[in-house]
Amino acid sequence: MATNRLKIKKAADYLKVIAHPTRLEIIHLLDGKRTLTVSQICTKLEIEQSLVSHHLASMRNKGVLKADRDGINISYSILDPKVMEIIQVAMNSKTIKQ
C-alpha cells in the first residue's frame, strides 16, 4: 500500500513539473531527440535566459530532461520520450479541443 502511494506521489510531482505553458513549449522544442542549448531555447521562445534556466533546472531535477555539458555550453534533451505521449494525450483531450 505504501509503495503505491509513493508511486502516486512521484507521478503527481512529475505531472506538476511539466504542467506549465513555458515548460510544455520547451519540451515541444526538444521533441524528436533534439538537443538544444539554453541560448537556443531562449532565442526560439523569445524568453529571458534566467527564466528558461529556471524551468530547465526544475525539469532536470524531476527527471524530465537531461543536461550535457560541452565546455561552457549546456545542452538539454528529453530524458524519457514518453513525456511526449503524456502531453499528446492531454492536448488531444475532448475538453481541450472545444
C-alpha atoms as a PDB file:
ATOM      1  CA  MET A   1       0.000   0.000   0.000  1.00  0.00           C
ATOM      2  CA  ALA A   2       2.770   2.483   0.918  1.00  0.00           C
ATOM      3  CA  THR A   3       4.613   1.661  -2.319  1.00  0.00           C
ATOM      4  CA  ASN A   4       1.536   2.578  -4.349  1.00  0.00           C
ATOM      5  CA  ARG A   5       1.240   5.917  -2.510  1.00  0.00           C
ATOM      6  CA  LEU A   6       4.895   6.642  -3.207  1.00  0.00           C
ATOM      7  CA  LYS A   7       4.403   5.941  -6.929  1.00  0.00           C
ATOM      8  CA  ILE A   8       1.335   8.162  -6.979  1.00  0.00           C
ATOM      9  CA  LYS A   9       3.246  10.975  -5.253  1.00  0.00           C
ATOM     10  CA  LYS A  10       6.134  10.656  -7.723  1.00  0.00           C
ATOM     11  CA  ALA A  11       3.698  10.675 -10.650  1.00  0.00           C
ATOM     12  CA  ALA A  12       1.979  13.775  -9.260  1.00  0.00           C
ATOM     13  CA  ASP A  13       5.338  15.538  -8.851  1.00  0.00           C
ATOM     14  CA  TYR A  14       6.279  14.630 -12.428  1.00  0.00           C
ATOM     15  CA  LEU A  15       2.995  15.966 -13.787  1.00  0.00           C
ATOM     16  CA  LYS A  16       3.303  19.149 -11.728  1.00  0.00           C
ATOM     17  CA  VAL A  17       6.730  19.932 -13.116  1.00  0.00           C
ATOM     18  CA  ILE A  18       5.538  19.745 -16.742  1.00  0.00           C
ATOM     19  CA  ALA A  19       2.228  21.497 -16.068  1.00  0.00           C
ATOM     20  CA  HIS A  20       3.343  24.962 -17.143  1.00  0.00           C
ATOM     21  CA  PRO A  21       2.948  26.533 -20.591  1.00  0.00           C
ATOM     22  CA  THR A  22       6.621  27.520 -20.897  1.00  0.00           C
ATOM     23  CA  ARG A  23       7.786  24.076 -19.826  1.00  0.00           C
ATOM     24  CA  LEU A  24       5.455  22.451 -22.330  1.00  0.00           C
ATOM     25  CA  GLU A  25       6.873  24.708 -25.042  1.00  0.00           C
ATOM     26  CA  ILE A  26      10.420  23.724 -24.075  1.00  0.00           C
ATOM     27  CA  ILE A  27       9.539  20.031 -24.174  1.00  0.00           C
ATOM     28  CA  HIS A  28       7.875  20.544 -27.559  1.00  0.00           C
ATOM     29  CA  LEU A  29      11.076  22.165 -28.878  1.00  0.00           C
ATOM     30  CA  LEU A  30      13.105  19.175 -27.671  1.00  0.00           C
ATOM     31  CA  ASP A  31      10.748  16.585 -29.159  1.00  0.00           C
ATOM     32  CA  GLY A  32      12.205  14.138 -31.640  1.00  0.00           C
ATOM     33  CA  LYS A  33      15.500  13.553 -29.847  1.00  0.00           C
ATOM     34  CA  ARG A  34      16.538  17.176 -30.359  1.00  0.00           C
ATOM     35  CA  THR A  35      19.235  18.696 -28.194  1.00  0.00           C
ATOM     36  CA  LEU A  36      19.317  22.443 -27.668  1.00  0.00           C
ATOM     37  CA  THR A  37      21.406  24.830 -25.609  1.00  0.00           C
ATOM     38  CA  VAL A  38      19.889  27.312 -23.200  1.00  0.00           C
ATOM     39  CA  SER A  39      20.579  30.186 -25.586  1.00  0.00           C
ATOM     40  CA  GLN A  40      18.951  28.331 -28.498  1.00  0.00           C
ATOM     41  CA  ILE A  41      15.828  27.740 -26.397  1.00  0.00           C
ATOM     42  CA  CYS A  42      15.799  31.411 -25.322  1.00  0.00           C
ATOM     43  CA  THR A  43      16.026  32.541 -28.937  1.00  0.00           C
ATOM     44  CA  LYS A  44      13.290  30.219 -30.173  1.00  0.00           C
ATOM     45  CA  LEU A  45      10.877  31.089 -27.347  1.00  0.00           C
ATOM     46  CA  GLU A  46      11.914  34.758 -27.075  1.00  0.00           C
ATOM     47  CA  ILE A  47      12.226  34.441 -23.297  1.00  0.00           C
ATOM     48  CA  GLU A  48      14.943  35.672 -20.915  1.00  0.00           C
ATOM     49  CA  GLN A  49      17.743  33.253 -20.104  1.00  0.00           C
ATOM     50  CA  SER A  50      17.148  33.389 -16.342  1.00  0.00           C
ATOM     51  CA  LEU A  51      13.547  32.269 -16.785  1.00  0.00           C
ATOM     52  CA  VAL A  52      14.445  29.486 -19.223  1.00  0.00           C
ATOM     53  CA  SER A  53      17.249  28.298 -16.933  1.00  0.00           C
ATOM     54  CA  HIS A  54      14.824  28.148 -14.002  1.00  0.00           C
ATOM     55  CA  HIS A  55      12.384  25.983 -15.955  1.00  0.00           C
ATOM     56  CA  LEU A  56      15.148  23.743 -17.294  1.00  0.00           C
ATOM     57  CA  ALA A  57      16.579  23.193 -13.805  1.00  0.00           C
ATOM     58  CA  SER A  58      13.174  22.230 -12.427  1.00  0.00           C
ATOM     59  CA  MET A  59      12.562  19.722 -15.194  1.00  0.00           C
ATOM     60  CA  ARG A  60      16.086  18.331 -14.934  1.00  0.00           C
ATOM     61  CA  ASN A  61      15.725  17.864 -11.163  1.00  0.00           C
ATOM     62  CA  LYS A  62      12.489  15.892 -11.617  1.00  0.00           C
ATOM     63  CA  GLY A  63      13.920  13.671 -14.359  1.00  0.00           C
ATOM     64  CA  VAL A  64      12.073  15.136 -17.329  1.00  0.00           C
ATOM     65  CA  LEU A  65      15.192  16.462 -19.062  1.00  0.00           C
ATOM     66  CA  LYS A  66      18.864  15.608 -19.092  1.00  0.00           C
ATOM     67  CA  ALA A  67      21.725  18.063 -19.397  1.00  0.00           C
ATOM     68  CA  ASP A  68      25.058  17.530 -21.113  1.00  0.00           C
ATOM     69  CA  ARG A  69      27.931  19.987 -20.694  1.00  0.00           C
ATOM     70  CA  ASP A  70      30.309  20.794 -23.540  1.00  0.00           C
ATOM     71  CA  GLY A  71      32.730  23.427 -22.293  1.00  0.00           C
ATOM     72  CA  ILE A  72      30.639  26.415 -21.255  1.00  0.00           C
ATOM     73  CA  ASN A  73      27.526  25.237 -23.112  1.00  0.00           C
ATOM     74  CA  ILE A  74      24.895  23.015 -21.555  1.00  0.00           C
ATOM     75  CA  SER A  75      22.602  21.166 -23.936  1.00  0.00           C
ATOM     76  CA  TYR A  76      19.244  19.783 -22.888  1.00  0.00           C
ATOM     77  CA  SER A  77      17.244  16.866 -24.225  1.00  0.00           C
ATOM     78  CA  ILE A  78      14.249  14.827 -23.146  1.00  0.00           C
ATOM     79  CA  LEU A  79      15.213  12.045 -20.760  1.00  0.00           C
ATOM     80  CA  ASP A  80      12.157   9.848 -21.345  1.00  0.00           C
ATOM     81  CA  PRO A  81      10.336  10.313 -24.676  1.00  0.00           C
ATOM     82  CA  LYS A  82       7.138   9.016 -23.079  1.00  0.00           C
ATOM     83  CA  VAL A  83       6.639  12.522 -21.704  1.00  0.00           C
ATOM     84  CA  MET A  84       5.500  13.438 -25.211  1.00  0.00           C
ATOM     85  CA  GLU A  85       2.807  10.758 -25.047  1.00  0.00           C
ATOM     86  CA  ILE A  86       1.521  12.281 -21.799  1.00  0.00           C
ATOM     87  CA  ILE A  87       1.430  15.729 -23.376  1.00  0.00           C
ATOM     88  CA  GLN A  88      -0.261  14.454 -26.559  1.00  0.00           C
ATOM     89  CA  VAL A  89      -2.980  12.739 -24.517  1.00  0.00           C
ATOM     90  CA  ALA A  90      -3.626  15.973 -22.637  1.00  0.00           C
ATOM     91  CA  MET A  91      -3.605  18.097 -25.802  1.00  0.00           C
ATOM     92  CA  ASN A  92      -5.997  15.737 -27.576  1.00  0.00           C
ATOM     93  CA  SER A  93      -8.433  15.664 -24.679  1.00  0.00           C
ATOM     94  CA  LYS A  94     -12.034  16.428 -25.667  1.00  0.00           C
ATOM     95  CA  THR A  95     -12.161  19.260 -23.122  1.00  0.00           C
ATOM     96  CA  ILE A  96      -9.168  20.986 -24.736  1.00  0.00           C
ATOM     97  CA  LYS A  97     -10.440  20.577 -28.318  1.00  0.00           C
ATOM     98  CA  GLN A  98     -13.598  22.541 -27.539  1.00  0.00           C
END
